[in-house]
Each structure stands twice: as C-alpha cells, then as structure tokens.
Protein backbone atom coordinates (compact mmCIF):
# COMPACT_ATOMS: atom_id res chain seq x y z
CA MET A 1 -20.54 135.24 139.72
CA THR A 2 -20.61 133.29 136.47
CA PHE A 3 -23.47 130.93 137.36
CA ALA A 4 -27.17 131.89 137.36
CA LEU A 5 -29.23 130.91 140.39
CA GLU A 6 -32.81 131.73 141.24
CA PRO A 7 -32.88 134.59 143.76
CA LEU A 8 -34.25 133.89 147.21
CA ASP A 9 -37.73 135.13 148.00
CA PRO A 10 -37.40 137.80 150.73
CA ASP A 11 -40.86 136.85 152.01
CA ASP A 12 -40.05 133.15 152.27
CA ASP A 13 -40.43 132.13 155.91
CA ARG A 14 -38.89 128.69 155.50
CA PRO A 15 -35.55 127.88 157.18
CA PRO A 16 -32.53 129.23 155.27
CA TYR A 17 -31.28 125.76 154.30
CA GLU A 18 -34.65 124.98 152.64
CA GLN A 19 -34.50 128.26 150.71
CA VAL A 20 -31.00 127.46 149.45
CA ALA A 21 -31.98 123.89 148.55
CA ARG A 22 -34.98 125.18 146.61
CA SER A 23 -32.88 127.72 144.69
CA LEU A 24 -30.21 125.16 143.77
CA GLY A 25 -32.88 122.56 142.96
CA ALA A 26 -34.59 124.99 140.60
CA ALA A 27 -31.27 125.61 138.81
CA ILE A 28 -30.83 121.86 138.35
CA ARG A 29 -34.37 121.26 137.11
CA THR A 30 -34.16 124.08 134.58
CA ARG A 31 -30.72 122.93 133.39
CA LYS A 32 -28.90 126.05 134.51
CA LEU A 33 -26.80 123.41 136.23
CA GLY A 34 -26.73 120.40 133.89
CA PRO A 35 -26.25 116.67 134.57
CA GLY A 36 -22.68 115.93 135.62
CA GLU A 37 -21.87 119.61 136.20
CA LYS A 38 -20.00 120.60 139.31
CA LEU A 39 -21.80 122.92 141.74
CA PRO A 40 -20.12 126.12 142.91
CA SER A 41 -17.88 125.67 145.93
CA HIS A 42 -19.15 126.04 149.50
CA LYS A 43 -17.29 129.37 149.70
CA MET A 44 -18.96 130.71 146.56
CA LEU A 45 -22.41 129.56 147.70
CA THR A 46 -21.87 131.11 151.13
CA GLU A 47 -20.95 134.44 149.52
CA HIS A 48 -23.84 134.27 147.04
CA TYR A 49 -26.61 133.46 149.53
CA GLY A 50 -25.20 135.22 152.57
CA PHE A 51 -25.76 132.25 154.88
CA ALA A 52 -23.31 130.33 157.04
CA ARG A 53 -21.37 127.35 155.70
CA ALA A 54 -23.44 125.00 157.89
CA THR A 55 -26.60 126.21 156.15
CA ILE A 56 -25.08 125.48 152.73
CA GLN A 57 -23.97 122.02 153.85
CA ARG A 58 -27.47 121.19 155.15
CA ALA A 59 -29.01 122.34 151.85
CA LEU A 60 -26.62 120.17 149.86
CA ARG A 61 -27.41 117.15 152.06
CA ASP A 62 -31.10 117.66 151.35
CA LEU A 63 -30.41 117.81 147.61
CA GLU A 64 -28.36 114.63 147.88
CA ASP A 65 -31.19 112.89 149.78
CA GLU A 66 -33.57 114.00 147.03
CA GLY A 67 -31.31 112.42 144.42
CA LEU A 68 -30.42 115.64 142.61
CA VAL A 69 -26.72 115.80 143.49
CA VAL A 70 -23.89 113.48 144.47
CA SER A 71 -20.92 114.38 146.68
CA ARG A 72 -17.52 113.09 145.58
CA LYS A 73 -14.87 113.24 148.27
CA GLY A 74 -12.03 115.53 147.32
CA SER A 75 -13.76 116.65 144.12
CA GLY A 76 -16.91 118.52 145.15
CA VAL A 77 -20.64 118.19 144.61
CA PHE A 78 -22.02 117.30 141.18
CA VAL A 79 -25.45 117.23 139.57
CA ARG A 80 -26.59 113.64 139.18
CA ASN A 81 -27.25 112.19 135.75
CA ARG A 82 -30.97 111.60 135.22
CA THR A 83 -30.52 107.85 134.84
CA GLU A 84 -28.94 107.42 138.25
CA ARG A 85 -32.00 107.84 140.42
CA PRO A 86 -35.73 108.53 140.11
CA ALA A 87 -36.85 112.07 140.94
CA GLY A 88 -39.46 113.47 143.29
CA LEU A 89 -42.66 115.03 141.94
CA ARG A 90 -43.40 117.86 144.38
CA PRO A 91 -40.56 120.26 143.49
CA TYR A 92 -41.45 120.06 139.80
CA VAL A 93 -45.12 120.77 140.48
CA GLU A 94 -44.17 123.84 142.51
CA GLN A 95 -41.76 124.94 139.76
CA ALA A 96 -44.57 124.58 137.19
CA PHE A 97 -46.69 127.14 139.03
CA ALA A 98 -44.03 129.78 138.49
CA SER A 99 -45.13 129.77 134.81
CA SER A 100 -47.89 132.03 133.52
CA ASN A 101 -49.93 129.13 132.16
CA VAL A 102 -49.96 125.92 134.20
CA THR A 103 -51.08 122.61 132.70
CA ILE A 104 -51.06 119.25 134.50
CA ASP A 105 -52.33 116.01 132.98
CA PHE A 106 -52.62 113.08 135.36
CA ALA A 107 -53.56 109.46 134.72
CA GLY A 108 -53.63 107.01 137.60
CA PHE A 109 -55.58 104.92 140.04
CA SER A 110 -56.57 107.90 142.17
CA SER A 111 -55.30 111.46 142.40
CA GLU A 112 -54.06 111.29 146.00
CA THR A 113 -50.41 112.06 145.21
CA LEU A 114 -51.37 114.93 142.90
CA HIS A 115 -53.63 116.33 145.61
CA GLY A 116 -50.74 116.37 148.07
CA ALA A 117 -48.27 117.88 145.60
CA LEU A 118 -50.66 120.77 144.84
CA GLN A 119 -51.09 121.99 148.39
CA GLU A 120 -47.92 124.10 148.73
CA PRO A 121 -48.12 125.91 145.37
CA LEU A 122 -51.82 126.63 145.89
CA ASP A 123 -51.05 128.11 149.31
CA LYS A 124 -48.41 130.33 147.69
CA ILE A 125 -50.94 131.55 145.14
CA ARG A 126 -53.34 132.46 147.95
CA ILE A 127 -50.73 134.65 149.63
CA GLY A 128 -49.49 136.16 146.37
CA ARG A 129 -46.07 134.53 146.11
CA LEU A 130 -47.01 132.67 142.93
CA THR A 131 -49.11 134.40 140.26
CA PRO A 132 -49.99 132.15 137.30
CA LYS A 133 -52.58 133.52 134.88
CA SER A 134 -54.22 130.21 134.11
CA ILE A 135 -54.40 126.68 135.54
CA ARG A 136 -55.70 123.70 133.63
CA ILE A 137 -55.73 120.22 135.15
CA ARG A 138 -56.98 117.05 133.47
CA ILE A 139 -57.48 113.91 135.57
CA LEU A 140 -57.96 110.46 134.00
CA VAL A 141 -58.99 107.63 136.34
CA PRO A 142 -60.65 104.18 136.08
CA ASP A 143 -64.44 103.88 136.10
CA MET A 144 -65.20 102.10 139.37
CA SER A 145 -68.77 101.33 138.31
CA VAL A 146 -67.40 98.40 136.27
CA PRO A 147 -65.25 95.43 137.44
CA GLN A 148 -61.51 95.96 137.57
CA ALA A 149 -58.48 93.67 137.58
CA ALA A 150 -57.68 95.18 140.99
CA PRO A 151 -58.68 95.66 143.73
CA VAL A 152 -60.15 92.15 144.05
CA LYS A 153 -60.71 89.68 146.87
CA ARG A 154 -57.55 87.84 147.79
CA GLU A 155 -59.16 84.42 148.27
CA ASP A 156 -60.34 83.99 144.69
CA CYS A 157 -59.38 87.21 142.83
CA ALA A 158 -63.11 87.87 142.41
CA ASP A 159 -64.67 91.27 141.89
CA ASP A 160 -66.40 92.80 144.89
CA PRO A 161 -68.65 95.85 144.36
CA ARG A 162 -67.85 96.99 147.91
CA LEU A 163 -64.17 97.37 147.00
CA ARG A 164 -65.03 99.38 143.91
CA ALA A 165 -67.41 101.58 145.91
CA ARG A 166 -64.64 102.21 148.43
CA MET A 167 -62.16 103.21 145.70
CA HIS A 168 -64.83 105.32 144.03
CA ASP A 169 -65.33 107.29 147.25
CA ILE A 170 -61.58 107.79 147.67
CA MET A 171 -61.22 109.00 144.10
CA ILE A 172 -64.24 111.31 144.46
CA GLY A 173 -62.78 112.86 147.60
CA TYR A 174 -59.46 113.80 146.04
CA THR A 175 -60.76 114.92 142.64
CA ARG A 176 -63.48 117.05 144.25
CA SER A 177 -60.96 118.63 146.63
CA ILE A 178 -58.63 119.49 143.72
CA SER A 179 -61.50 120.90 141.67
CA ASP A 180 -62.84 122.98 144.58
CA ALA A 181 -59.39 124.41 145.40
CA ILE A 182 -58.66 125.43 141.81
CA SER A 183 -62.16 126.88 141.34
CA GLU A 184 -61.74 128.92 144.52
CA LEU A 185 -58.63 130.59 143.07
CA GLY A 186 -60.69 131.68 140.07
CA HIS A 187 -63.59 132.93 142.20
CA LEU A 188 -61.17 134.96 144.32
CA GLY A 189 -59.63 136.53 141.22
CA LEU A 190 -56.21 135.06 141.98
CA VAL A 191 -56.02 133.43 138.53
CA GLN A 192 -57.70 134.62 135.36
CA GLU A 193 -58.64 131.16 134.10
CA SER A 194 -59.00 127.88 135.99
CA ASN A 195 -60.36 124.50 135.00
CA VAL A 196 -60.26 120.96 136.36
CA SER A 197 -61.70 118.21 134.14
CA VAL A 198 -62.14 114.57 135.14
CA ARG A 199 -62.70 111.66 132.77
CA VAL A 200 -63.00 107.95 133.44
CA HIS A 201 -62.23 104.89 131.33
CA SER A 202 -63.12 101.22 131.72
CA GLY A 203 -59.59 99.81 131.89
CA THR A 204 -57.57 99.12 135.03
CA GLN A 205 -54.84 101.74 135.52
CA PHE A 206 -51.63 99.82 136.24
CA PHE A 207 -49.38 102.89 136.10
CA LYS A 208 -49.46 106.58 136.94
CA LEU A 209 -48.44 109.37 134.61
CA TYR A 210 -47.99 113.11 135.07
CA VAL A 211 -47.33 115.55 132.22
CA ILE A 212 -46.46 118.98 133.62
CA ASN A 213 -46.54 122.11 131.46
CA ASN A 214 -46.02 119.85 128.43
CA GLU A 215 -42.32 119.79 129.31
CA ASP A 216 -41.86 117.19 132.04
CA ALA A 217 -43.29 113.69 132.30
CA PHE A 218 -43.25 111.41 135.35
CA PHE A 219 -44.07 107.73 134.96
CA GLY A 220 -44.29 104.87 137.45
CA TYR A 221 -45.86 101.44 137.89
CA TYR A 222 -48.36 100.42 140.57
CA PRO A 223 -47.25 97.13 142.15
CA ILE A 224 -50.03 94.77 143.26
CA ARG A 225 -49.72 93.79 146.92
CA PRO A 226 -51.81 91.92 149.49
CA ASN A 227 -53.76 94.35 151.64
CA LYS A 228 -56.56 94.40 154.19
CA VAL A 229 -59.22 97.11 154.02
CA VAL A 230 -62.58 97.85 155.58
CA ALA A 231 -65.41 98.21 153.08
CA GLN A 232 -68.98 98.82 154.22
CA GLY A 233 -68.09 97.77 157.74
CA GLU A 234 -66.35 94.50 156.86
CA ALA A 235 -62.63 93.75 156.85
CA ILE A 236 -61.64 92.21 153.50
CA GLU A 237 -58.35 90.62 152.43
CA ILE A 238 -57.57 91.92 148.95
CA TYR A 239 -55.02 92.30 146.20
CA ASP A 240 -54.54 96.03 145.82
CA LEU A 241 -52.74 98.56 143.64
CA VAL A 242 -50.31 100.25 146.02
CA GLY A 243 -49.44 103.83 145.12
CA LYS A 244 -47.01 104.42 147.97
CA ASP A 245 -44.61 101.89 146.43
CA THR A 246 -44.62 103.61 143.05
CA ILE A 247 -41.25 105.03 141.97
CA LEU A 248 -41.60 107.87 139.49
CA PHE A 249 -39.10 108.29 136.66
CA HIS A 250 -38.64 111.71 135.13
CA HIS A 251 -38.23 112.72 131.50
CA SER A 252 -37.90 116.29 130.25
CA VAL A 253 -37.82 118.09 126.93
CA ASN A 254 -34.65 119.71 128.32
CA ASP A 255 -32.81 116.40 128.76
CA GLY A 256 -31.01 116.73 125.43
CA ASP A 257 -31.27 114.82 122.18
CA SER A 258 -29.14 111.88 123.30
CA SER A 259 -31.30 111.07 126.32
CA GLY A 260 -34.59 110.67 124.45
CA GLY A 261 -36.31 112.82 127.08
CA ALA A 262 -38.13 114.98 124.54
CA ARG A 263 -39.42 111.87 122.75
CA GLN A 264 -40.60 110.38 126.04
CA VAL A 265 -42.56 113.54 126.87
CA GLU A 266 -44.00 113.63 123.34
CA GLN A 267 -45.17 110.02 123.62
CA ALA A 268 -46.64 110.60 127.09
CA ARG A 269 -48.65 113.54 125.76
CA MET A 270 -49.76 111.50 122.75
CA TRP A 271 -50.93 108.60 124.93
CA PHE A 272 -52.82 110.83 127.33
CA ASP A 273 -54.57 112.79 124.57
CA SER A 274 -55.48 109.61 122.70
CA VAL A 275 -57.25 108.10 125.72
CA TRP A 276 -58.79 111.42 126.79
CA ASP A 277 -60.20 112.11 123.32
CA THR A 278 -61.51 108.60 122.57
CA ILE A 279 -62.50 106.19 125.36
CA GLY A 280 -62.41 108.77 128.16
CA ARG A 281 -65.88 109.73 129.41
CA ASP A 282 -66.72 112.97 131.21
CA PHE A 283 -67.24 112.53 134.93
CA ASP A 284 -68.78 115.02 137.32
CA ALA A 285 -67.95 114.26 140.93
CA ASP A 286 -70.89 116.32 142.13
CA GLU A 287 -73.38 114.09 140.31
CA ARG A 288 -72.41 110.87 142.08
C-alpha cells in the first residue's frame, strides 16, 4: 500500500472499530493524511486492517463524529480542514505519550479536564504499552486566596471567601491527583524522569490553554454562566466560569506555513513561559 498508517497494537483489547479509528486518527494528527486529503477506500482499509467492512464503517463514523473527517456522497471520505471544526483534546494527549519525552503545559481555572485526559495514557504506561522516558507537566492556575472576578455571588457580583475556598479544594484535588499519579510512575521505575510543578497567579483565568510536546496548542474560552453551588453547607447562587462549555481550538507546528499554526504554538509557549517565569508563584498542594 502507498499510504502509511500506524500498525495496530496486538495487545489492544479495545473493540476493532476503536483500534481502526485510533490508527486513522493518529495518521491524521501526524499529517500522514493531510487536511483535504482523501482517505483510502473501504476496500483498501478492509484489506489493510483485516477487519470486516462494517468495522471500517463504524470507525469512520467515529472519526466523523470527532470532527476529523467528512464523508462526501459519491466521492469518499476526506480529512477535514482544521478551520472547519474544533478538535478534541484526549487523542492528542494519548498521542503525546508515544514520544520519549512528554511535556504538557496547562493554564486554566482548574485542571479537571487535564486530569481526565491523562487517565488512559497513564494506564497504558502502567501495563507497558506506552514507554516514555520522561514526563514533565506544568500547571498554572489562579490563586484562590485572593478575590477573583469569578466565581462571585449572583445577587451583587460580590466576592465570597466560601466560593474561593470551594474552588481551591477542587483545584487541590485534581492537581494533587495528577502529581501523585506521575510521581508513582517514577517510583515504580516506569519512567526515568517525572515532574509535576504547580504555580498560581493573582489574575482570573478566563481561558484554558494546553501546549503539548511543544508542538500542539489547544485554546478555549471559559463562558460565565449562572450556577448554583453548595459551599460550606449553604446553597449559593453564583456567576461561574463553566469549563464544560469550553470549545478547544487546535493549532499545530505541522499545520503548514499558510495556516499560521506554528506561529500560534510559538505565541502560546511564549505567553505561558512569560507568566510562569514572572508573576507565577510556586504552589505546593501538600502544604495547604
């Protein structure tokens, strides 16, 4: 065959359609199949992977749902252009852990989404299916010991220390869990080097940013929505930063000169480093 696709893992216990979708998705993310390029035919994919046509069709539907491909009746299946639809974070995080040296920089309101995206690749390291040599994660979050623009009480937009204490506890939970999981890999000898660093800053974080292996950047805005939470035993109507409504847009150094992707990643790295190295303050979750 003339196209290069990632081989299937013989130890992968996921359903065949998920294995095929992962292989094709990896080819798209690494530009082996570029934006606008037509995918191999169903017949060619069936012969390549050794699975039934129905399996190939299910895999392609999943890729279409993920926004990676588009089906054009009578013409075939094509890789979407990056500008057509935002991309999901999880597959790129898993792809990053196939590298020898993994770096993830995250800036946001909390690290809940990052925590969820790390679970599958960390499980694969534990069972030996992924073998990075080093993992370095930097997490930049707001300092909840000082008033923030949000969350605030809905009635008068006033600061409430109980809301900040609640967000502090949420942030502590996720950052500590990430740190403990990465440290465990080092203690078990599964990675040679591992480090998770957390810094806080005094400003409200109105957007989230991920820079993965210095090659891919994901950026999205937190909308502010009315919400009702329980803080220290009392239900409080608030204006909140809502992460679940955040759409992430992807830029890559592999996007090509005309797309500006490389410049976007460069600027994301510059912004993160500038905050980390200046107004960011070291934070140890175990001391609070």
